[in-house]
């Protein structure tokens, strides 16, 4: 089943759906993607049945939250493509997102979790296409190693996300440190750059 609505919805149903997504985003950010639907329904001030009217499975609800997070990340990547120095723009964006992930277990979990819905696969692909474009610009400018690509960054960063999420690491400095280490491995001169 797709996340795309196939028929018009009543105004109260639209409000309820938005309330559920906002509640899910908050609960997943705090507790991770294993938080329960009843917790989310309670936070939204609706019954469990209301949640399931909009989202037939929990995976659909996780996907709705993740799609919002991925869209915001992609917007940051597209803006970074306009920067004068692509390497510094990529680095700044990754460090910012890493610090944000410390308090947002939804995004960290969503990047390392397999969700089989086509919309999520398309959003992931779009994000990594934007990452690839930024990497190519950074390489053309000489800021990034020529032998790496978006897939390398994806694998390295997903590993960091899995470990730090499993350890329930909530310190933004720790997330930034590991992001900086990943980025240092991709830098053209191989020298670590300071965090700030």
Protein backbone atom coordinates (compact mmCIF):
# COMPACT_ATOMS: atom_id res chain seq x y z
CA UNK A 1 0.00 0.00 0.00
CA UNK A 2 1.24 3.45 -0.91
CA UNK A 3 1.42 6.53 1.30
CA UNK A 4 -0.19 8.56 -1.47
CA UNK A 5 -3.82 9.44 -0.82
CA UNK A 6 -6.10 8.12 -3.57
CA UNK A 7 -9.28 10.01 -2.60
CA UNK A 8 -10.06 13.38 -1.04
CA UNK A 9 -10.20 13.37 2.75
CA UNK A 10 -12.48 15.26 5.13
CA UNK A 11 -10.96 18.27 6.89
CA UNK A 12 -11.03 16.53 10.29
CA UNK A 13 -9.29 13.49 8.82
CA UNK A 14 -6.58 15.73 7.35
CA UNK A 15 -6.12 17.44 10.75
CA UNK A 16 -6.00 14.08 12.53
CA UNK A 17 -3.41 12.77 10.09
CA UNK A 18 -1.23 15.85 10.55
CA UNK A 19 -1.57 15.55 14.33
CA UNK A 20 -0.59 11.88 14.21
CA UNK A 21 2.47 12.56 12.03
CA UNK A 22 3.59 15.39 14.34
CA UNK A 23 3.10 13.19 17.40
CA UNK A 24 4.91 10.29 15.74
CA UNK A 25 7.82 12.58 14.82
CA UNK A 26 8.12 13.72 18.45
CA UNK A 27 7.77 10.22 19.95
CA UNK A 28 10.15 8.61 17.45
CA UNK A 29 12.67 11.42 18.00
CA UNK A 30 12.58 10.81 21.76
CA UNK A 31 12.23 7.04 21.93
CA UNK A 32 13.32 5.69 18.57
CA UNK A 33 11.40 3.81 15.93
CA UNK A 34 10.41 1.03 18.31
CA UNK A 35 7.96 3.36 20.10
CA UNK A 36 4.44 1.96 20.00
CA UNK A 37 1.38 3.13 18.10
CA UNK A 38 -0.62 3.54 21.36
CA UNK A 39 2.08 5.96 22.63
CA UNK A 40 1.78 7.96 19.43
CA UNK A 41 -2.02 7.96 19.51
CA UNK A 42 -1.96 9.20 23.11
CA UNK A 43 0.48 11.99 22.23
CA UNK A 44 -1.74 12.99 19.27
CA UNK A 45 -4.87 12.93 21.44
CA UNK A 46 -6.60 10.39 19.21
CA UNK A 47 -7.51 6.73 19.44
CA UNK A 48 -5.41 3.94 18.00
CA UNK A 49 -8.08 3.32 15.35
CA UNK A 50 -7.64 6.89 14.10
CA UNK A 51 -3.95 6.23 13.57
CA UNK A 52 -4.66 3.06 11.63
CA UNK A 53 -7.25 4.80 9.42
CA UNK A 54 -4.45 6.97 8.01
CA UNK A 55 -1.59 4.48 8.35
CA UNK A 56 -2.48 0.82 7.83
CA UNK A 57 0.79 -0.34 9.41
CA UNK A 58 3.37 1.15 11.71
CA UNK A 59 5.82 1.01 8.80
CA UNK A 60 3.60 3.49 6.93
CA UNK A 61 3.68 5.85 9.92
CA UNK A 62 7.46 5.54 10.25
CA UNK A 63 7.71 6.22 6.51
CA UNK A 64 5.60 9.40 6.76
CA UNK A 65 7.94 10.78 9.43
CA UNK A 66 11.05 9.66 7.61
CA UNK A 67 9.87 11.24 4.35
CA UNK A 68 9.63 14.62 6.10
CA UNK A 69 13.14 14.22 7.53
CA UNK A 70 14.60 13.12 4.20
CA UNK A 71 12.96 16.04 2.38
CA UNK A 72 14.55 18.49 4.83
CA UNK A 73 17.95 16.81 4.42
CA UNK A 74 17.67 16.94 0.64
CA UNK A 75 16.74 20.64 0.77
CA UNK A 76 19.95 21.24 2.75
CA UNK A 77 21.94 19.30 0.18
CA UNK A 78 20.44 21.24 -2.72
CA UNK A 79 21.27 24.52 -0.96
CA UNK A 80 24.83 23.27 -0.32
CA UNK A 81 25.23 22.72 -4.09
CA UNK A 82 25.10 26.49 -4.48
CA UNK A 83 27.98 27.12 -2.04
CA UNK A 84 31.34 28.37 -3.30
CA UNK A 85 33.24 25.54 -1.60
CA UNK A 86 31.39 22.23 -2.02
CA UNK A 87 33.65 20.33 0.41
CA UNK A 88 33.11 22.84 3.22
CA UNK A 89 29.38 22.91 2.46
CA UNK A 90 29.13 19.10 2.62
CA UNK A 91 31.16 19.01 5.81
CA UNK A 92 29.10 21.74 7.50
CA UNK A 93 25.83 20.04 6.53
CA UNK A 94 26.97 16.62 7.76
CA UNK A 95 28.20 18.02 11.07
CA UNK A 96 24.93 19.92 11.54
CA UNK A 97 22.84 16.83 10.73
CA UNK A 98 25.01 14.67 12.99
CA UNK A 99 24.45 17.00 15.94
CA UNK A 100 20.72 17.02 15.19
CA UNK A 101 20.58 13.24 15.07
CA UNK A 102 21.74 13.08 18.67
CA UNK A 103 18.30 14.33 19.69
CA UNK A 104 16.34 12.81 16.83
CA UNK A 105 16.33 9.06 17.01
CA UNK A 106 13.79 8.96 14.16
CA UNK A 107 16.22 10.18 11.52
CA UNK A 108 19.14 8.15 12.83
CA UNK A 109 17.01 5.00 12.96
CA UNK A 110 15.38 5.73 9.62
CA UNK A 111 18.69 5.99 7.81
CA UNK A 112 19.76 2.56 9.00
CA UNK A 113 16.37 0.80 8.89
CA UNK A 114 15.05 -0.97 5.82
CA UNK A 115 11.59 0.32 4.90
CA UNK A 116 10.19 -1.30 1.80
CA UNK A 117 7.68 1.33 0.71
CA UNK A 118 8.41 2.79 -2.76
CA UNK A 119 8.12 6.42 -1.58
CA UNK A 120 10.87 5.87 0.97
CA UNK A 121 13.11 4.15 -1.56
CA UNK A 122 12.58 7.07 -3.96
CA UNK A 123 13.33 9.64 -1.22
CA UNK A 124 16.51 7.79 -0.22
CA UNK A 125 17.59 7.64 -3.86
CA UNK A 126 16.92 11.34 -4.32
CA UNK A 127 18.93 12.24 -1.20
CA UNK A 128 21.91 10.12 -2.28
CA UNK A 129 21.74 11.55 -5.79
CA UNK A 130 22.05 15.03 -4.26
CA UNK A 131 24.93 13.79 -2.08
CA UNK A 132 26.60 12.41 -5.20
CA UNK A 133 26.27 15.75 -7.00
CA UNK A 134 27.79 17.57 -4.03
CA UNK A 135 30.63 15.04 -3.85
CA UNK A 136 31.35 15.43 -7.57
CA UNK A 137 31.55 19.20 -7.12
CA UNK A 138 33.85 18.82 -4.11
CA UNK A 139 36.08 16.47 -6.12
CA UNK A 140 36.18 18.83 -9.10
CA UNK A 141 37.27 21.61 -6.73
CA UNK A 142 39.98 19.38 -5.24
CA UNK A 143 38.52 19.20 -1.73
CA UNK A 144 37.59 15.53 -1.75
CA UNK A 145 39.33 12.30 -2.65
CA UNK A 146 38.64 11.36 -6.27
CA UNK A 147 38.19 7.64 -5.49
CA UNK A 148 35.07 7.92 -3.30
CA UNK A 149 31.40 8.39 -4.04
CA UNK A 150 28.02 8.78 -2.41
CA UNK A 151 27.82 5.03 -1.72
CA UNK A 152 31.01 5.20 0.35
CA UNK A 153 29.61 8.01 2.47
CA UNK A 154 26.27 6.19 2.78
CA UNK A 155 27.90 3.00 4.08
CA UNK A 156 30.24 4.80 6.48
CA UNK A 157 27.54 7.07 7.85
CA UNK A 158 24.94 4.29 8.17
CA UNK A 159 27.45 2.35 10.27
CA UNK A 160 27.95 5.30 12.60
CA UNK A 161 24.17 5.78 12.86
CA UNK A 162 23.58 2.13 13.71
CA UNK A 163 26.21 2.03 16.44
CA UNK A 164 25.37 5.37 18.06
CA UNK A 165 21.64 4.67 17.87
CA UNK A 166 22.07 1.21 19.41
CA UNK A 167 24.09 2.78 22.22
CA UNK A 168 21.39 5.47 22.61
CA UNK A 169 24.08 8.12 22.32
CA UNK A 170 22.42 11.51 22.86
CA UNK A 171 25.49 13.76 23.05
CA UNK A 172 25.67 16.01 19.94
CA UNK A 173 29.44 16.33 20.41
CA UNK A 174 29.85 12.55 20.06
CA UNK A 175 27.77 12.48 16.86
CA UNK A 176 29.77 15.41 15.45
CA UNK A 177 33.04 13.72 16.36
CA UNK A 178 32.20 10.56 14.43
CA UNK A 179 30.85 12.56 11.50
CA UNK A 180 34.14 14.48 11.44
CA UNK A 181 36.11 11.23 11.45
CA UNK A 182 34.07 9.87 8.54
CA UNK A 183 34.53 13.11 6.64
CA UNK A 184 38.28 13.20 7.35
CA UNK A 185 38.59 9.84 5.59
CA UNK A 186 37.06 11.42 2.47
CA UNK A 187 39.06 14.65 2.44
CA UNK A 188 41.47 15.11 -0.45
CA UNK A 189 44.58 15.63 1.65
CA UNK A 190 43.57 13.04 4.25
CA UNK A 191 44.30 15.46 7.08
CA UNK A 192 41.67 15.80 9.78
CA UNK A 193 39.97 19.16 9.91
CA UNK A 194 39.01 20.85 13.17
CA UNK A 195 35.36 20.51 14.24
CA UNK A 196 34.76 24.26 14.19
